[in-house]
Amino acid sequence: MFVSGRRMTLTYSIINRARHILWLITGEGKMEMLDRLIQADRDIPAGRVSQRQATVVADAAALTGASEKIRSR
């Protein structure tokens, strides 16, 4: 059953109240964003989400060329 017109919006404050946050990052085109996420770059939406309760899972392609800081975690 498909219901059109329904939408749920989660604000940063609601997301930051989550017990756990999982970031799944795949593909070579995401290595810059992965770097920015880890650095908590507030210029991207993901950078505004608390990292205290977050886990990042990234494939090898996303890690290719990523900073040493990321690969050492």
N, C-alpha and C. Protein backbone atom coordinates (compact mmCIF):
# COMPACT_ATOMS: atom_id res chain seq x y z
N MET A 1 0.83 -1.17 0.00
CA MET A 1 0.00 0.00 0.00
C MET A 1 0.88 1.24 0.00
N PHE A 2 0.63 2.13 -0.89
CA PHE A 2 1.39 3.37 -0.99
C PHE A 2 0.50 4.53 -0.55
N VAL A 3 1.01 5.31 0.36
CA VAL A 3 0.26 6.48 0.84
C VAL A 3 1.06 7.71 0.43
N SER A 4 0.50 8.50 -0.44
CA SER A 4 1.23 9.69 -0.86
C SER A 4 0.90 10.86 0.06
N GLY A 5 1.80 11.81 0.09
CA GLY A 5 1.55 13.01 0.88
C GLY A 5 2.01 12.93 2.33
N ARG A 6 2.53 11.79 2.76
CA ARG A 6 3.02 11.68 4.14
C ARG A 6 4.52 11.93 4.17
N ARG A 7 4.92 12.63 5.18
CA ARG A 7 6.34 12.99 5.28
C ARG A 7 6.70 13.16 6.74
N MET A 8 7.90 12.78 7.09
CA MET A 8 8.38 12.98 8.45
C MET A 8 9.68 13.77 8.36
N THR A 9 9.76 14.83 9.11
CA THR A 9 10.96 15.64 9.15
C THR A 9 11.61 15.49 10.51
N LEU A 10 12.90 15.20 10.50
CA LEU A 10 13.67 15.09 11.74
C LEU A 10 14.65 16.25 11.81
N THR A 11 14.55 17.02 12.85
CA THR A 11 15.47 18.15 13.04
C THR A 11 16.76 17.65 13.67
N TYR A 12 17.79 18.50 13.63
CA TYR A 12 19.07 18.12 14.24
C TYR A 12 18.90 17.80 15.72
N SER A 13 18.09 18.55 16.42
CA SER A 13 17.92 18.29 17.85
C SER A 13 17.28 16.92 18.09
N ILE A 14 16.37 16.50 17.25
CA ILE A 14 15.76 15.18 17.39
C ILE A 14 16.78 14.10 17.03
N ILE A 15 17.50 14.27 15.94
CA ILE A 15 18.51 13.29 15.54
C ILE A 15 19.56 13.15 16.63
N ASN A 16 19.98 14.26 17.21
CA ASN A 16 21.02 14.22 18.23
C ASN A 16 20.56 13.58 19.54
N ARG A 17 19.26 13.37 19.70
CA ARG A 17 18.75 12.65 20.88
C ARG A 17 18.73 11.14 20.68
N ALA A 18 19.04 10.68 19.47
CA ALA A 18 19.04 9.24 19.19
C ALA A 18 20.08 8.54 20.05
N ARG A 19 19.76 7.31 20.42
CA ARG A 19 20.73 6.53 21.20
C ARG A 19 21.95 6.18 20.36
N HIS A 20 21.72 5.97 19.08
CA HIS A 20 22.84 5.63 18.19
C HIS A 20 22.54 6.12 16.78
N ILE A 21 23.57 6.57 16.09
CA ILE A 21 23.45 7.05 14.72
C ILE A 21 24.43 6.24 13.88
N LEU A 22 23.97 5.75 12.75
CA LEU A 22 24.82 4.97 11.86
C LEU A 22 24.93 5.70 10.53
N TRP A 23 26.17 5.99 10.14
CA TRP A 23 26.44 6.58 8.83
C TRP A 23 26.99 5.46 7.96
N LEU A 24 26.40 5.21 6.81
CA LEU A 24 26.87 4.22 5.85
C LEU A 24 27.33 4.97 4.62
N ILE A 25 28.62 4.87 4.34
CA ILE A 25 29.21 5.66 3.26
C ILE A 25 29.86 4.71 2.25
N THR A 26 29.42 4.79 1.01
CA THR A 26 29.94 3.91 -0.03
C THR A 26 30.33 4.69 -1.27
N GLY A 27 31.35 4.22 -1.92
CA GLY A 27 31.75 4.78 -3.20
C GLY A 27 32.87 5.79 -3.14
N GLU A 28 33.69 5.75 -4.16
CA GLU A 28 34.86 6.62 -4.25
C GLU A 28 34.47 8.10 -4.25
N GLY A 29 33.31 8.41 -4.78
CA GLY A 29 32.87 9.80 -4.83
C GLY A 29 32.53 10.39 -3.47
N LYS A 30 32.54 9.58 -2.44
CA LYS A 30 32.17 10.05 -1.10
C LYS A 30 33.37 10.32 -0.19
N MET A 31 34.60 10.12 -0.68
CA MET A 31 35.75 10.27 0.23
C MET A 31 35.89 11.69 0.77
N GLU A 32 35.58 12.70 -0.02
CA GLU A 32 35.66 14.08 0.49
C GLU A 32 34.60 14.31 1.57
N MET A 33 33.39 13.82 1.34
CA MET A 33 32.33 13.99 2.33
C MET A 33 32.64 13.22 3.60
N LEU A 34 33.26 12.06 3.47
CA LEU A 34 33.67 11.28 4.64
C LEU A 34 34.66 12.08 5.48
N ASP A 35 35.64 12.67 4.82
CA ASP A 35 36.60 13.54 5.52
C ASP A 35 35.87 14.66 6.25
N ARG A 36 34.94 15.30 5.57
CA ARG A 36 34.22 16.43 6.16
C ARG A 36 33.32 15.99 7.31
N LEU A 37 32.73 14.81 7.20
CA LEU A 37 31.91 14.27 8.29
C LEU A 37 32.76 14.04 9.53
N ILE A 38 33.90 13.39 9.37
CA ILE A 38 34.78 13.09 10.50
C ILE A 38 35.28 14.37 11.15
N GLN A 39 35.50 15.40 10.35
CA GLN A 39 36.00 16.68 10.88
C GLN A 39 34.86 17.54 11.45
N ALA A 40 33.63 17.02 11.41
CA ALA A 40 32.45 17.74 11.90
C ALA A 40 32.31 19.11 11.22
N ASP A 41 32.51 19.11 9.91
CA ASP A 41 32.38 20.33 9.11
C ASP A 41 30.92 20.78 9.12
N ARG A 42 30.61 21.86 9.79
CA ARG A 42 29.24 22.32 9.94
C ARG A 42 28.67 22.94 8.65
N ASP A 43 29.49 22.99 7.61
CA ASP A 43 28.98 23.47 6.31
C ASP A 43 28.20 22.38 5.57
N ILE A 44 28.26 21.14 6.05
CA ILE A 44 27.46 20.07 5.46
C ILE A 44 26.46 19.61 6.52
N PRO A 45 25.27 19.18 6.12
CA PRO A 45 24.26 18.77 7.10
C PRO A 45 24.75 17.70 8.07
N ALA A 46 25.47 16.71 7.58
CA ALA A 46 25.96 15.63 8.46
C ALA A 46 26.91 16.15 9.53
N GLY A 47 27.59 17.23 9.25
CA GLY A 47 28.53 17.81 10.21
C GLY A 47 27.83 18.45 11.40
N ARG A 48 26.54 18.65 11.31
CA ARG A 48 25.77 19.25 12.40
C ARG A 48 25.16 18.20 13.34
N VAL A 49 25.38 16.94 13.01
CA VAL A 49 24.88 15.84 13.84
C VAL A 49 25.99 15.44 14.81
N SER A 50 25.62 15.25 16.05
CA SER A 50 26.58 14.88 17.09
C SER A 50 27.31 13.59 16.74
N GLN A 51 28.61 13.58 16.96
CA GLN A 51 29.41 12.39 16.69
C GLN A 51 29.54 11.49 17.92
N ARG A 52 29.08 11.95 19.07
CA ARG A 52 29.24 11.16 20.30
C ARG A 52 28.60 9.79 20.21
N GLN A 53 27.44 9.69 19.61
CA GLN A 53 26.74 8.43 19.54
C GLN A 53 26.72 7.85 18.12
N ALA A 54 27.66 8.28 17.29
CA ALA A 54 27.67 7.87 15.88
C ALA A 54 28.73 6.83 15.58
N THR A 55 28.39 5.97 14.65
CA THR A 55 29.32 4.99 14.09
C THR A 55 29.34 5.21 12.59
N VAL A 56 30.54 5.21 12.01
CA VAL A 56 30.68 5.37 10.57
C VAL A 56 31.14 4.04 9.99
N VAL A 57 30.42 3.56 8.99
CA VAL A 57 30.80 2.36 8.26
C VAL A 57 31.05 2.81 6.82
N ALA A 58 32.26 2.58 6.34
CA ALA A 58 32.62 3.01 4.99
C ALA A 58 33.29 1.87 4.24
N ASP A 59 33.00 1.77 2.95
CA ASP A 59 33.64 0.74 2.15
C ASP A 59 35.04 1.20 1.72
N ALA A 60 35.80 0.28 1.14
CA ALA A 60 37.18 0.57 0.74
C ALA A 60 37.24 1.70 -0.28
N ALA A 61 36.27 1.77 -1.17
CA ALA A 61 36.27 2.83 -2.18
C ALA A 61 36.13 4.19 -1.54
N ALA A 62 35.30 4.33 -0.53
CA ALA A 62 35.13 5.61 0.16
C ALA A 62 36.37 5.98 0.94
N LEU A 63 37.10 4.97 1.41
CA LEU A 63 38.31 5.23 2.19
C LEU A 63 39.53 5.53 1.33
N THR A 64 39.48 5.19 0.05
CA THR A 64 40.60 5.45 -0.85
C THR A 64 40.86 6.94 -0.90
N GLY A 65 42.03 7.35 -0.53
CA GLY A 65 42.37 8.76 -0.55
C GLY A 65 41.90 9.53 0.66
N ALA A 66 41.24 8.87 1.58
CA ALA A 66 40.79 9.56 2.79
C ALA A 66 41.99 9.89 3.67
N SER A 67 41.84 10.85 4.52
CA SER A 67 42.95 11.29 5.34
C SER A 67 43.41 10.18 6.28
N GLU A 68 44.65 10.27 6.71
CA GLU A 68 45.24 9.30 7.63
C GLU A 68 44.44 9.25 8.93
N LYS A 69 43.89 10.37 9.35
CA LYS A 69 43.09 10.43 10.58
C LYS A 69 41.91 9.47 10.50
N ILE A 70 41.27 9.40 9.34
CA ILE A 70 40.12 8.51 9.17
C ILE A 70 40.57 7.07 9.17
N ARG A 71 41.60 6.73 8.40
CA ARG A 71 42.02 5.34 8.26
C ARG A 71 42.57 4.78 9.55
N SER A 72 43.05 5.62 10.44
CA SER A 72 43.64 5.13 11.68
C SER A 72 42.58 4.88 12.76
N ARG A 73 41.36 5.30 12.56
CA ARG A 73 40.30 5.12 13.56
C ARG A 73 39.83 3.71 13.65
